[in-house]
Amino acid sequence: MKEITVQELKSKIDSGADFQLIDVREDNEREFTNIGGDHFPMGTVMQKVDEISKDKEVVIYCRSGGRSAQVVNFLEANHGFENLYNLKGGILAWAGEIDDKIKKY
Protein backbone atom coordinates (compact mmCIF):
# COMPACT_ATOMS: atom_id res chain seq x y z
CA MET A 1 0.00 0.00 0.00
CA LYS A 2 1.28 3.43 -0.95
CA GLU A 3 1.00 6.29 1.51
CA ILE A 4 1.21 10.05 1.20
CA THR A 5 2.10 12.46 3.98
CA VAL A 6 0.01 15.49 4.86
CA GLN A 7 2.84 17.73 3.59
CA GLU A 8 2.76 15.94 0.21
CA LEU A 9 -1.03 16.27 0.07
CA LYS A 10 -0.83 19.99 0.87
CA SER A 11 1.67 20.42 -1.97
CA LYS A 12 -0.73 18.65 -4.36
CA ILE A 13 -3.59 20.89 -3.29
CA ASP A 14 -1.50 24.06 -3.46
CA SER A 15 -0.17 23.22 -6.93
CA GLY A 16 -3.64 22.48 -8.29
CA ALA A 17 -2.73 18.88 -9.11
CA ASP A 18 -5.46 16.77 -10.69
CA PHE A 19 -6.27 14.04 -8.17
CA GLN A 20 -9.26 12.67 -6.30
CA LEU A 21 -9.54 13.07 -2.52
CA ILE A 22 -11.91 10.71 -0.70
CA ASP A 23 -13.04 10.91 2.93
CA VAL A 24 -14.18 7.48 4.23
CA ARG A 25 -15.26 8.67 7.69
CA GLU A 26 -18.86 8.55 8.88
CA ASP A 27 -21.37 11.37 8.31
CA ASN A 28 -21.08 12.80 11.83
CA GLU A 29 -17.28 12.90 11.58
CA ARG A 30 -17.46 14.66 8.22
CA GLU A 31 -19.90 17.24 9.60
CA PHE A 32 -17.64 17.89 12.60
CA THR A 33 -14.56 18.63 10.49
CA ASN A 34 -13.12 17.78 7.08
CA ILE A 35 -10.49 18.75 4.54
CA GLY A 36 -12.76 18.36 1.54
CA GLY A 37 -12.96 15.79 -1.19
CA ASP A 38 -15.63 13.27 -2.02
CA HIS A 39 -17.42 11.66 0.91
CA PHE A 40 -17.78 7.88 0.67
CA PRO A 41 -18.32 6.53 4.20
CA MET A 42 -16.42 3.25 4.62
CA GLY A 43 -19.62 1.21 4.60
CA THR A 44 -20.65 2.64 1.21
CA VAL A 45 -17.37 2.21 -0.66
CA MET A 46 -18.59 -0.99 -2.36
CA GLN A 47 -21.48 0.93 -3.91
CA LYS A 48 -19.17 3.79 -4.95
CA VAL A 49 -16.38 1.81 -6.64
CA ASP A 50 -17.38 3.14 -10.07
CA GLU A 51 -16.98 6.71 -8.77
CA ILE A 52 -13.34 6.15 -7.77
CA SER A 53 -10.95 7.23 -10.50
CA LYS A 54 -8.62 4.72 -12.08
CA ASP A 55 -7.10 7.40 -14.32
CA LYS A 56 -5.51 9.70 -11.74
CA GLU A 57 -4.07 9.52 -8.24
CA VAL A 58 -6.61 8.97 -5.48
CA VAL A 59 -5.87 9.95 -1.87
CA ILE A 60 -8.10 8.32 0.74
CA TYR A 61 -8.32 9.63 4.28
CA CYS A 62 -10.03 8.99 7.61
CA ARG A 63 -9.41 10.15 11.18
CA SER A 64 -5.99 8.56 11.77
CA GLY A 65 -5.24 6.44 8.71
CA GLY A 66 -6.51 3.03 9.82
CA ARG A 67 -9.86 2.85 8.06
CA SER A 68 -8.52 4.47 4.92
CA ALA A 69 -5.70 1.89 4.86
CA GLN A 70 -8.30 -0.88 5.04
CA VAL A 71 -10.21 0.69 2.14
CA VAL A 72 -7.03 1.05 0.05
CA ASN A 73 -6.03 -2.56 0.72
CA PHE A 74 -9.53 -3.83 -0.11
CA LEU A 75 -9.78 -1.86 -3.36
CA GLU A 76 -6.31 -2.93 -4.48
CA ALA A 77 -6.95 -6.59 -3.70
CA ASN A 78 -10.49 -6.86 -5.03
CA HIS A 79 -10.82 -4.21 -7.74
CA GLY A 80 -7.35 -3.91 -9.24
CA PHE A 81 -6.66 -0.30 -8.26
CA GLU A 82 -3.01 0.73 -8.55
CA ASN A 83 -3.38 4.51 -8.10
CA LEU A 84 -4.50 4.72 -4.46
CA TYR A 85 -2.70 6.45 -1.61
CA ASN A 86 -3.52 6.30 2.08
CA LEU A 87 -3.15 9.63 3.91
CA LYS A 88 -0.65 8.78 6.62
CA GLY A 89 -1.98 9.89 10.00
CA GLY A 90 -5.32 10.98 8.53
CA ILE A 91 -7.09 14.19 9.43
CA LEU A 92 -5.40 14.19 12.85
CA ALA A 93 -2.01 14.58 11.16
CA TRP A 94 -3.46 17.31 8.94
CA ALA A 95 -4.74 19.16 12.03
CA GLY A 96 -1.45 18.72 13.85
CA GLU A 97 0.93 19.60 11.02
CA ILE A 98 -0.92 21.69 8.42
CA ASP A 99 -4.03 23.45 9.72
CA ASP A 100 -4.63 23.96 13.43
CA LYS A 101 -8.15 25.25 12.67
CA ILE A 102 -9.18 21.65 11.89
CA LYS A 103 -10.85 20.28 15.00
CA LYS A 104 -9.37 17.15 16.56
CA TYR A 105 -11.57 14.44 18.01
PDB file of N, CA and C in Angstrom:
ATOM      1  N   MET A   1       0.842  -1.180   0.000  1.00  0.00           N
ATOM      2  CA  MET A   1       0.000   0.000   0.000  1.00  0.00           C
ATOM      3  C   MET A   1       0.892   1.250   0.000  1.00  0.00           C
ATOM      4  N   LYS A   2       0.549   2.163  -0.881  1.00  0.00           N
ATOM      5  CA  LYS A   2       1.278   3.426  -0.954  1.00  0.00           C
ATOM      6  C   LYS A   2       0.642   4.419   0.022  1.00  0.00           C
ATOM      7  N   GLU A   3       1.494   5.259   0.603  1.00  0.00           N
ATOM      8  CA  GLU A   3       1.003   6.289   1.505  1.00  0.00           C
ATOM      9  C   GLU A   3       1.521   7.644   1.050  1.00  0.00           C
ATOM     10  N   ILE A   4       0.820   8.673   1.473  1.00  0.00           N
ATOM     11  CA  ILE A   4       1.206  10.047   1.200  1.00  0.00           C
ATOM     12  C   ILE A   4       1.147  10.793   2.531  1.00  0.00           C
ATOM     13  N   THR A   5       2.094  11.680   2.747  1.00  0.00           N
ATOM     14  CA  THR A   5       2.095  12.462   3.983  1.00  0.00           C
ATOM     15  C   THR A   5       1.183  13.679   3.820  1.00  0.00           C
ATOM     16  N   VAL A   6       0.854  14.300   4.930  1.00  0.00           N
ATOM     17  CA  VAL A   6       0.014  15.494   4.859  1.00  0.00           C
ATOM     18  C   VAL A   6       0.748  16.641   4.152  1.00  0.00           C
ATOM     19  N   GLN A   7       2.074  16.696   4.295  1.00  0.00           N
ATOM     20  CA  GLN A   7       2.836  17.726   3.594  1.00  0.00           C
ATOM     21  C   GLN A   7       2.763  17.506   2.077  1.00  0.00           C
ATOM     22  N   GLU A   8       2.862  16.249   1.642  1.00  0.00           N
ATOM     23  CA  GLU A   8       2.762  15.943   0.213  1.00  0.00           C
ATOM     24  C   GLU A   8       1.360  16.261  -0.314  1.00  0.00           C
ATOM     25  N   LEU A   9       0.337  15.953   0.483  1.00  0.00           N
ATOM     26  CA  LEU A   9      -1.028  16.273   0.072  1.00  0.00           C
ATOM     27  C   LEU A   9      -1.215  17.780  -0.039  1.00  0.00           C
ATOM     28  N   LYS A  10      -0.720  18.529   0.923  1.00  0.00           N
ATOM     29  CA  LYS A  10      -0.831  19.993   0.866  1.00  0.00           C
ATOM     30  C   LYS A  10      -0.167  20.525  -0.392  1.00  0.00           C
ATOM     31  N   SER A  11       0.980  19.987  -0.745  1.00  0.00           N
ATOM     32  CA  SER A  11       1.670  20.418  -1.972  1.00  0.00           C
ATOM     33  C   SER A  11       0.817  20.140  -3.202  1.00  0.00           C
ATOM     34  N   LYS A  12       0.163  18.983  -3.236  1.00  0.00           N
ATOM     35  CA  LYS A  12      -0.727  18.651  -4.362  1.00  0.00           C
ATOM     36  C   LYS A  12      -1.869  19.659  -4.454  1.00  0.00           C
ATOM     37  N   ILE A  13      -2.476  19.948  -3.321  1.00  0.00           N
ATOM     38  CA  ILE A  13      -3.594  20.886  -3.288  1.00  0.00           C
ATOM     39  C   ILE A  13      -3.121  22.269  -3.730  1.00  0.00           C
ATOM     40  N   ASP A  14      -2.009  22.726  -3.159  1.00  0.00           N
ATOM     41  CA  ASP A  14      -1.496  24.064  -3.459  1.00  0.00           C
ATOM     42  C   ASP A  14      -1.095  24.223  -4.922  1.00  0.00           C
ATOM     43  N   SER A  15      -0.626  23.138  -5.532  1.00  0.00           N
ATOM     44  CA  SER A  15      -0.171  23.216  -6.925  1.00  0.00           C
ATOM     45  C   SER A  15      -1.318  23.034  -7.924  1.00  0.00           C
ATOM     46  N   GLY A  16      -2.500  22.699  -7.403  1.00  0.00           N
ATOM     47  CA  GLY A  16      -3.642  22.479  -8.292  1.00  0.00           C
ATOM     48  C   GLY A  16      -3.576  21.159  -9.033  1.00  0.00           C
ATOM     49  N   ALA A  17      -2.862  20.193  -8.473  1.00  0.00           N
ATOM     50  CA  ALA A  17      -2.732  18.876  -9.108  1.00  0.00           C
ATOM     51  C   ALA A  17      -4.108  18.245  -9.318  1.00  0.00           C
ATOM     52  N   ASP A  18      -4.218  17.462 -10.365  1.00  0.00           N
ATOM     53  CA  ASP A  18      -5.460  16.770 -10.690  1.00  0.00           C
ATOM     54  C   ASP A  18      -5.451  15.400 -10.010  1.00  0.00           C
ATOM     55  N   PHE A  19      -6.167  15.294  -8.904  1.00  0.00           N
ATOM     56  CA  PHE A  19      -6.265  14.035  -8.168  1.00  0.00           C
ATOM     57  C   PHE A  19      -7.621  13.995  -7.491  1.00  0.00           C
ATOM     58  N   GLN A  20      -7.988  12.823  -7.009  1.00  0.00           N
ATOM     59  CA  GLN A  20      -9.255  12.668  -6.296  1.00  0.00           C
ATOM     60  C   GLN A  20      -8.956  12.456  -4.815  1.00  0.00           C
ATOM     61  N   LEU A  21      -9.666  13.190  -3.969  1.00  0.00           N
ATOM     62  CA  LEU A  21      -9.540  13.070  -2.523  1.00  0.00           C
ATOM     63  C   LEU A  21     -10.836  12.474  -2.006  1.00  0.00           C
ATOM     64  N   ILE A  22     -10.724  11.402  -1.213  1.00  0.00           N
ATOM     65  CA  ILE A  22     -11.910  10.712  -0.702  1.00  0.00           C
ATOM     66  C   ILE A  22     -11.819  10.575   0.812  1.00  0.00           C
ATOM     67  N   ASP A  23     -12.874  11.000   1.478  1.00  0.00           N
ATOM     68  CA  ASP A  23     -13.037  10.906   2.929  1.00  0.00           C
ATOM     69  C   ASP A  23     -13.921   9.690   3.206  1.00  0.00           C
ATOM     70  N   VAL A  24     -13.398   8.697   3.956  1.00  0.00           N
ATOM     71  CA  VAL A  24     -14.182   7.485   4.235  1.00  0.00           C
ATOM     72  C   VAL A  24     -14.735   7.456   5.660  1.00  0.00           C
ATOM     73  N   ARG A  25     -14.713   8.612   6.336  1.00  0.00           N
ATOM     74  CA  ARG A  25     -15.260   8.667   7.689  1.00  0.00           C
ATOM     75  C   ARG A  25     -16.789   8.713   7.638  1.00  0.00           C
ATOM     76  N   GLU A  26     -17.400   8.548   8.778  1.00  0.00           N
ATOM     77  CA  GLU A  26     -18.857   8.550   8.875  1.00  0.00           C
ATOM     78  C   GLU A  26     -19.410   9.975   8.757  1.00  0.00           C
ATOM     79  N   ASP A  27     -20.710  10.081   8.510  1.00  0.00           N
ATOM     80  CA  ASP A  27     -21.365  11.370   8.305  1.00  0.00           C
ATOM     81  C   ASP A  27     -21.101  12.357   9.441  1.00  0.00           C
ATOM     82  N   ASN A  28     -21.251  11.894  10.689  1.00  0.00           N
ATOM     83  CA  ASN A  28     -21.078  12.797  11.829  1.00  0.00           C
ATOM     84  C   ASN A  28     -19.638  13.303  11.937  1.00  0.00           C
ATOM     85  N   GLU A  29     -18.676  12.480  11.561  1.00  0.00           N
ATOM     86  CA  GLU A  29     -17.276  12.905  11.577  1.00  0.00           C
ATOM     87  C   GLU A  29     -17.037  13.973  10.506  1.00  0.00           C
ATOM     88  N   ARG A  30     -17.593  13.737   9.344  1.00  0.00           N
ATOM     89  CA  ARG A  30     -17.456  14.663   8.216  1.00  0.00           C
ATOM     90  C   ARG A  30     -18.073  16.027   8.559  1.00  0.00           C
ATOM     91  N   GLU A  31     -19.239  15.996   9.221  1.00  0.00           N
ATOM     92  CA  GLU A  31     -19.899  17.239   9.602  1.00  0.00           C
ATOM     93  C   GLU A  31     -19.095  17.994  10.654  1.00  0.00           C
ATOM     94  N   PHE A  32     -18.419  17.270  11.533  1.00  0.00           N
ATOM     95  CA  PHE A  32     -17.639  17.886  12.604  1.00  0.00           C
ATOM     96  C   PHE A  32     -16.446  18.642  12.035  1.00  0.00           C
ATOM     97  N   THR A  33     -15.723  18.017  11.116  1.00  0.00           N
ATOM     98  CA  THR A  33     -14.560  18.633  10.488  1.00  0.00           C
ATOM     99  C   THR A  33     -14.152  17.828   9.268  1.00  0.00           C
ATOM    100  N   ASN A  34     -13.603  18.509   8.263  1.00  0.00           N
ATOM    101  CA  ASN A  34     -13.119  17.782   7.080  1.00  0.00           C
ATOM    102  C   ASN A  34     -12.148  18.654   6.312  1.00  0.00           C
ATOM    103  N   ILE A  35     -11.429  18.023   5.400  1.00  0.00           N
ATOM    104  CA  ILE A  35     -10.486  18.748   4.540  1.00  0.00           C
ATOM    105  C   ILE A  35     -10.932  18.681   3.083  1.00  0.00           C
ATOM    106  N   GLY A  36     -12.200  18.364   2.890  1.00  0.00           N
ATOM    107  CA  GLY A  36     -12.757  18.361   1.543  1.00  0.00           C
ATOM    108  C   GLY A  36     -12.713  17.003   0.878  1.00  0.00           C
ATOM    109  N   GLY A  37     -12.954  17.019  -0.409  1.00  0.00           N
ATOM    110  CA  GLY A  37     -12.960  15.793  -1.190  1.00  0.00           C
ATOM    111  C   GLY A  37     -14.328  15.144  -1.222  1.00  0.00           C
ATOM    112  N   ASP A  38     -14.400  14.045  -1.957  1.00  0.00           N
ATOM    113  CA  ASP A  38     -15.633  13.270  -2.021  1.00  0.00           C
ATOM    114  C   ASP A  38     -15.847  12.559  -0.696  1.00  0.00           C
ATOM    115  N   HIS A  39     -17.110  12.331  -0.343  1.00  0.00           N
ATOM    116  CA  HIS A  39     -17.423  11.658   0.912  1.00  0.00           C
ATOM    117  C   HIS A  39     -18.064  10.314   0.622  1.00  0.00           C
ATOM    118  N   PHE A  40     -17.294   9.250   0.823  1.00  0.00           N
ATOM    119  CA  PHE A  40     -17.782   7.881   0.671  1.00  0.00           C
ATOM    120  C   PHE A  40     -17.557   7.172   2.001  1.00  0.00           C
ATOM    121  N   PRO A  41     -18.517   7.231   2.939  1.00  0.00           N
ATOM    122  CA  PRO A  41     -18.316   6.528   4.203  1.00  0.00           C
ATOM    123  C   PRO A  41     -17.884   5.079   3.954  1.00  0.00           C
ATOM    124  N   MET A  42     -17.025   4.578   4.812  1.00  0.00           N
ATOM    125  CA  MET A  42     -16.423   3.253   4.617  1.00  0.00           C
ATOM    126  C   MET A  42     -17.452   2.197   4.233  1.00  0.00           C
ATOM    127  N   GLY A  43     -18.596   2.209   4.869  1.00  0.00           N
ATOM    128  CA  GLY A  43     -19.624   1.211   4.595  1.00  0.00           C
ATOM    129  C   GLY A  43     -20.276   1.338   3.228  1.00  0.00           C
ATOM    130  N   THR A  44     -20.031   2.431   2.533  1.00  0.00           N
ATOM    131  CA  THR A  44     -20.646   2.636   1.214  1.00  0.00           C
ATOM    132  C   THR A  44     -19.659   2.492   0.062  1.00  0.00           C
ATOM    133  N   VAL A  45     -18.399   2.247   0.379  1.00  0.00           N
ATOM    134  CA  VAL A  45     -17.366   2.205  -0.664  1.00  0.00           C
ATOM    135  C   VAL A  45     -17.702   1.175  -1.744  1.00  0.00           C
ATOM    136  N   MET A  46     -18.249   0.042  -1.366  1.00  0.00           N
ATOM    137  CA  MET A  46     -18.588  -0.991  -2.361  1.00  0.00           C
ATOM    138  C   MET A  46     -19.563  -0.455  -3.409  1.00  0.00           C
ATOM    139  N   GLN A  47     -20.506   0.371  -2.981  1.00  0.00           N
ATOM    140  CA  GLN A  47     -21.483   0.929  -3.913  1.00  0.00           C
ATOM    141  C   GLN A  47     -20.908   2.092  -4.719  1.00  0.00           C
ATOM    142  N   LYS A  48     -19.764   2.613  -4.310  1.00  0.00           N
ATOM    143  CA  LYS A  48     -19.168   3.794  -4.947  1.00  0.00           C
ATOM    144  C   LYS A  48     -17.939   3.470  -5.787  1.00  0.00           C
ATOM    145  N   VAL A  49     -17.605   2.199  -5.942  1.00  0.00           N
ATOM    146  CA  VAL A  49     -16.377   1.811  -6.645  1.00  0.00           C
ATOM    147  C   VAL A  49     -16.286   2.467  -8.018  1.00  0.00           C
ATOM    148  N   ASP A  50     -17.392   2.553  -8.725  1.00  0.00           N
ATOM    149  CA  ASP A  50     -17.378   3.139 -10.069  1.00  0.00           C
ATOM    150  C   ASP A  50     -17.123   4.648 -10.055  1.00  0.00           C
ATOM    151  N   GLU A  51     -17.219   5.276  -8.880  1.00  0.00           N
ATOM    152  CA  GLU A  51     -16.978   6.712  -8.768  1.00  0.00           C
ATOM    153  C   GLU A  51     -15.542   7.026  -8.356  1.00  0.00           C
ATOM    154  N   ILE A  52     -14.746   5.977  -8.149  1.00  0.00           N
ATOM    155  CA  ILE A  52     -13.345   6.149  -7.769  1.00  0.00           C
ATOM    156  C   ILE A  52     -12.510   6.092  -9.044  1.00  0.00           C
ATOM    157  N   SER A  53     -11.722   7.121  -9.267  1.00  0.00           N
ATOM    158  CA  SER A  53     -10.950   7.227 -10.500  1.00  0.00           C
ATOM    159  C   SER A  53      -9.885   6.146 -10.602  1.00  0.00           C
ATOM    160  N   LYS A  54      -9.745   5.607 -11.793  1.00  0.00           N
ATOM    161  CA  LYS A  54      -8.624   4.716 -12.079  1.00  0.00           C
ATOM    162  C   LYS A  54      -7.612   5.417 -12.973  1.00  0.00           C
ATOM    163  N   ASP A  55      -7.916   6.668 -13.365  1.00  0.00           N
ATOM    164  CA  ASP A  55      -7.097   7.402 -14.317  1.00  0.00           C
ATOM    165  C   ASP A  55      -6.169   8.427 -13.688  1.00  0.00           C
ATOM    166  N   LYS A  56      -6.371   8.743 -12.413  1.00  0.00           N
ATOM    167  CA  LYS A  56      -5.507   9.703 -11.735  1.00  0.00           C
ATOM    168  C   LYS A  56      -5.279   9.242 -10.303  1.00  0.00           C
ATOM    169  N   GLU A  57      -4.352   9.890  -9.624  1.00  0.00           N
ATOM    170  CA  GLU A  57      -4.068   9.519  -8.238  1.00  0.00           C
ATOM    171  C   GLU A  57      -5.296   9.769  -7.374  1.00  0.00           C
ATOM    172  N   VAL A  58      -5.501   8.867  -6.421  1.00  0.00           N
ATOM    173  CA  VAL A  58      -6.607   8.969  -5.478  1.00  0.00           C
ATOM    174  C   VAL A  58      -6.030   8.898  -4.070  1.00  0.00           C
ATOM    175  N   VAL A  59      -6.302   9.916  -3.267  1.00  0.00           N
ATOM    176  CA  VAL A  59      -5.869   9.952  -1.870  1.00  0.00           C
ATOM    177  C   VAL A  59      -7.089   9.692  -1.008  1.00  0.00           C
ATOM    178  N   ILE A  60      -6.984   8.698  -0.133  1.00  0.00           N
ATOM    179  CA  ILE A  60      -8.095   8.316   0.740  1.00  0.00           C
ATOM    180  C   ILE A  60      -7.704   8.626   2.181  1.00  0.00           C
ATOM    181  N   TYR A  61      -8.636   9.278   2.904  1.00  0.00           N
ATOM    182  CA  TYR A  61      -8.316   9.626   4.283  1.00  0.00           C
ATOM    183  C   TYR A  61      -9.454   9.292   5.238  1.00  0.00           C
ATOM    184  N   CYS A  62      -9.073   9.188   6.517  1.00  0.00           N
ATOM    185  CA  CYS A  62     -10.030   8.992   7.613  1.00  0.00           C
ATOM    186  C   CYS A  62      -9.494   9.795   8.803  1.00  0.00           C
ATOM    187  N   ARG A  63      -9.843   9.399   9.995  1.00  0.00           N
ATOM    188  CA  ARG A  63      -9.415  10.149  11.185  1.00  0.00           C
ATOM    189  C   ARG A  63      -7.911  10.009  11.425  1.00  0.00           C
ATOM    190  N   SER A  64      -7.406   8.762  11.441  1.00  0.00           N
ATOM    191  CA  SER A  64      -5.990   8.555  11.774  1.00  0.00           C
ATOM    192  C   SER A  64      -5.231   7.707  10.755  1.00  0.00           C
ATOM    193  N   GLY A  65      -5.904   7.217   9.747  1.00  0.00           N
ATOM    194  CA  GLY A  65      -5.240   6.441   8.709  1.00  0.00           C
ATOM    195  C   GLY A  65      -5.548   4.961   8.705  1.00  0.00           C
ATOM    196  N   GLY A  66      -6.214   4.464   9.733  1.00  0.00           N
ATOM    197  CA  GLY A  66      -6.509   3.034   9.820  1.00  0.00           C
ATOM    198  C   GLY A  66      -7.606   2.570   8.881  1.00  0.00           C
ATOM    199  N   ARG A  67      -8.747   3.241   8.932  1.00  0.00           N
ATOM    200  CA  ARG A  67      -9.863   2.846   8.058  1.00  0.00           C
ATOM    201  C   ARG A  67      -9.525   3.075   6.591  1.00  0.00           C
ATOM    202  N   SER A  68      -8.879   4.203   6.316  1.00  0.00           N
ATOM    203  CA  SER A  68      -8.519   4.474   4.918  1.00  0.00           C
ATOM    204  C   SER A  68      -7.527   3.431   4.407  1.00  0.00           C
ATOM    205  N   ALA A  69      -6.626   2.961   5.256  1.00  0.00           N
ATOM    206  CA  ALA A  69      -5.699   1.894   4.857  1.00  0.00           C
ATOM    207  C   ALA A  69      -6.472   0.616   4.527  1.00  0.00           C
ATOM    208  N   GLN A  70      -7.482   0.301   5.318  1.00  0.00           N
ATOM    209  CA  GLN A  70      -8.303  -0.881   5.038  1.00  0.00           C
ATOM    210  C   GLN A  70      -9.004  -0.741   3.691  1.00  0.00           C
ATOM    211  N   VAL A  71      -9.521   0.451   3.406  1.00  0.00           N
ATOM    212  CA  VAL A  71     -10.206   0.691   2.139  1.00  0.00           C
ATOM    213  C   VAL A  71      -9.226   0.554   0.978  1.00  0.00           C
ATOM    214  N   VAL A  72      -8.042   1.155   1.107  1.00  0.00           N
ATOM    215  CA  VAL A  72      -7.032   1.047   0.054  1.00  0.00           C
ATOM    216  C   VAL A  72      -6.678  -0.416  -0.191  1.00  0.00           C
ATOM    217  N   ASN A  73      -6.394  -1.149   0.867  1.00  0.00           N
ATOM    218  CA  ASN A  73      -6.032  -2.562   0.718  1.00  0.00           C
ATOM    219  C   ASN A  73      -7.154  -3.364   0.061  1.00  0.00           C
ATOM    220  N   PHE A  74      -8.387  -3.124   0.458  1.00  0.00           N
ATOM    221  CA  PHE A  74      -9.529  -3.826  -0.112  1.00  0.00           C
ATOM    222  C   PHE A  74      -9.665  -3.525  -1.610  1.00  0.00           C
ATOM    223  N   LEU A  75      -9.608  -2.242  -1.962  1.00  0.00           N
ATOM    224  CA  LEU A  75      -9.782  -1.857  -3.363  1.00  0.00           C
ATOM    225  C   LEU A  75      -8.650  -2.388  -4.241  1.00  0.00           C
ATOM    226  N   GLU A  76      -7.433  -2.388  -3.718  1.00  0.00           N
ATOM    227  CA  GLU A  76      -6.314  -2.929  -4.482  1.00  0.00           C
ATOM    228  C   GLU A  76      -6.466  -4.434  -4.682  1.00  0.00           C
ATOM    229  N   ALA A  77      -6.845  -5.132  -3.626  1.00  0.00           N
ATOM    230  CA  ALA A  77      -6.945  -6.590  -3.700  1.00  0.00           C
ATOM    231  C   ALA A  77      -8.146  -7.076  -4.508  1.00  0.00           C
ATOM    232  N   ASN A  78      -9.249  -6.361  -4.439  1.00  0.00           N
ATOM    233  CA  ASN A  78     -10.493  -6.856  -5.034  1.00  0.00           C
ATOM    234  C   ASN A  78     -10.947  -6.142  -6.298  1.00  0.00           C
ATOM    235  N   HIS A  79     -10.364  -4.981  -6.581  1.00  0.00           N
ATOM    236  CA  HIS A  79     -10.822  -4.210  -7.738  1.00  0.00           C
ATOM    237  C   HIS A  79      -9.683  -3.733  -8.635  1.00  0.00           C
ATOM    238  N   GLY A  80      -8.468  -4.177  -8.359  1.00  0.00           N
ATOM    239  CA  GLY A  80      -7.346  -3.907  -9.239  1.00  0.00           C
ATOM    240  C   GLY A  80      -6.828  -2.478  -9.274  1.00  0.00           C
ATOM    241  N   PHE A  81      -7.162  -1.674  -8.284  1.00  0.00           N
ATOM    242  CA  PHE A  81      -6.656  -0.298  -8.259  1.00  0.00           C
ATOM    243  C   PHE A  81      -5.146  -0.308  -8.018  1.00  0.00           C
ATOM    244  N   GLU A  82      -4.451   0.582  -8.722  1.00  0.00           N
ATOM    245  CA  GLU A  82      -3.007   0.735  -8.546  1.00  0.00           C
ATOM    246  C   GLU A  82      -2.617   2.194  -8.314  1.00  0.00           C
ATOM    247  N   ASN A  83      -3.610   3.065  -8.192  1.00  0.00           N
ATOM    248  CA  ASN A  83      -3.378   4.506  -8.105  1.00  0.00           C
ATOM    249  C   ASN A  83      -3.843   5.103  -6.780  1.00  0.00           C
ATOM    250  N   LEU A  84      -3.967   4.273  -5.746  1.00  0.00           N
ATOM    251  CA  LEU A  84      -4.499   4.724  -4.462  1.00  0.00           C
ATOM    252  C   LEU A  84      -3.385   5.023  -3.469  1.00  0.00           C
ATOM    253  N   TYR A  85      -3.630   6.059  -2.657  1.00  0.00           N
ATOM    254  CA  TYR A  85      -2.698   6.447  -1.607  1.00  0.00           C
ATOM    255  C   TYR A  85      -3.473   6.647  -0.314  1.00  0.00           C
ATOM    256  N   ASN A  86      -2.950   6.082   0.761  1.00  0.00           N
ATOM    257  CA  ASN A  86      -3.521   6.298   2.083  1.00  0.00           C
ATOM    258  C   ASN A  86      -2.873   7.551   2.674  1.00  0.00           C
ATOM    259  N   LEU A  87      -3.711   8.438   3.250  1.00  0.00           N
ATOM    260  CA  LEU A  87      -3.155   9.626   3.915  1.00  0.00           C
ATOM    261  C   LEU A  87      -2.614   9.204   5.275  1.00  0.00           C
ATOM    262  N   LYS A  88      -1.316   9.216   5.397  1.00  0.00           N
ATOM    263  CA  LYS A  88      -0.645   8.776   6.620  1.00  0.00           C
ATOM    264  C   LYS A  88      -1.020   9.691   7.782  1.00  0.00           C
ATOM    265  N   GLY A  89      -1.590   9.117   8.822  1.00  0.00           N
ATOM    266  CA  GLY A  89      -1.984   9.895  10.004  1.00  0.00           C
ATOM    267  C   GLY A  89      -3.349  10.539   9.904  1.00  0.00           C
ATOM    268  N   GLY A  90      -3.965  10.487   8.725  1.00  0.00           N
ATOM    269  CA  GLY A  90      -5.319  10.984   8.531  1.00  0.00           C
ATOM    270  C   GLY A  90      -5.501  12.459   8.855  1.00  0.00           C
ATOM    271  N   ILE A  91      -6.753  12.791   9.161  1.00  0.00           N
ATOM    272  CA  ILE A  91      -7.088  14.191   9.431  1.00  0.00           C
ATOM    273  C   ILE A  91      -6.440  14.681  10.732  1.00  0.00           C
ATOM    274  N   LEU A  92      -6.106  13.774  11.631  1.00  0.00           N
ATOM    275  CA  LEU A  92      -5.405  14.189  12.853  1.00  0.00           C
ATOM    276  C   LEU A  92      -4.022  14.735  12.516  1.00  0.00           C
ATOM    277  N   ALA A  93      -3.323  14.082  11.586  1.00  0.00           N
ATOM    278  CA  ALA A  93      -2.010  14.577  11.161  1.00  0.00           C
ATOM    279  C   ALA A  93      -2.157  15.915  10.443  1.00  0.00           C
ATOM    280  N   TRP A  94      -3.211  16.041   9.625  1.00  0.00           N
ATOM    281  CA  TRP A  94      -3.457  17.311   8.938  1.00  0.00           C
ATOM    282  C   TRP A  94      -3.654  18.426   9.965  1.00  0.00           C
ATOM    283  N   ALA A  95      -4.472  18.168  10.980  1.00  0.00           N
ATOM    284  CA  ALA A  95      -4.738  19.161  12.026  1.00  0.00           C
ATOM    285  C   ALA A  95      -3.469  19.494  12.807  1.00  0.00           C
ATOM    286  N   GLY A  96      -2.653  18.501  13.056  1.00  0.00           N
ATOM    287  CA  GLY A  96      -1.449  18.715  13.847  1.00  0.00           C
ATOM    288  C   GLY A  96      -0.305  19.365  13.091  1.00  0.00           C
ATOM    289  N   GLU A  97      -0.236  19.136  11.771  1.00  0.00           N
ATOM    290  CA  GLU A  97       0.930  19.601  11.018  1.00  0.00           C
ATOM    291  C   GLU A  97       0.637  20.674   9.967  1.00  0.00           C
ATOM    292  N   ILE A  98      -0.611  20.775   9.520  1.00  0.00           N
ATOM    293  CA  ILE A  98      -0.924  21.685   8.417  1.00  0.00           C
ATOM    294  C   ILE A  98      -1.876  22.802   8.824  1.00  0.00           C
ATOM    295  N   ASP A  99      -2.983  22.458   9.457  1.00  0.00           N
ATOM    296  CA  ASP A  99      -4.031  23.447   9.723  1.00  0.00           C
ATOM    297  C   ASP A  99      -4.598  23.260  11.121  1.00  0.00           C
ATOM    298  N   ASP A 100      -4.178  24.105  12.042  1.00  0.00           N
ATOM    299  CA  ASP A 100      -4.634  23.957  13.427  1.00  0.00           C
ATOM    300  C   ASP A 100      -6.069  24.414  13.639  1.00  0.00           C
ATOM    301  N   LYS A 101      -6.723  24.913  12.580  1.00  0.00           N
ATOM    302  CA  LYS A 101      -8.154  25.248  12.673  1.00  0.00           C
ATOM    303  C   LYS A 101      -9.027  24.007  12.529  1.00  0.00           C
ATOM    304  N   ILE A 102      -8.448  22.922  12.011  1.00  0.00           N
ATOM    305  CA  ILE A 102      -9.184  21.654  11.892  1.00  0.00           C
ATOM    306  C   ILE A 102      -9.334  21.086  13.295  1.00  0.00           C
ATOM    307  N   LYS A 103     -10.571  20.787  13.655  1.00  0.00           N
ATOM    308  CA  LYS A 103     -10.854  20.282  15.002  1.00  0.00           C
ATOM    309  C   LYS A 103     -10.410  18.825  15.138  1.00  0.00           C
ATOM    310  N   LYS A 104      -9.763  18.518  16.256  1.00  0.00           N
ATOM    311  CA  LYS A 104      -9.367  17.146  16.560  1.00  0.00           C
ATOM    312  C   LYS A 104     -10.453  16.482  17.391  1.00  0.00           C
ATOM    313  N   TYR A 105     -10.600  15.192  17.209  1.00  0.00           N
ATOM    314  CA  TYR A 105     -11.569  14.437  18.007  1.00  0.00           C
ATOM    315  C   TYR A 105     -11.071  13.045  18.230  1.00  0.00           C
TER     316      TYR A 105
END
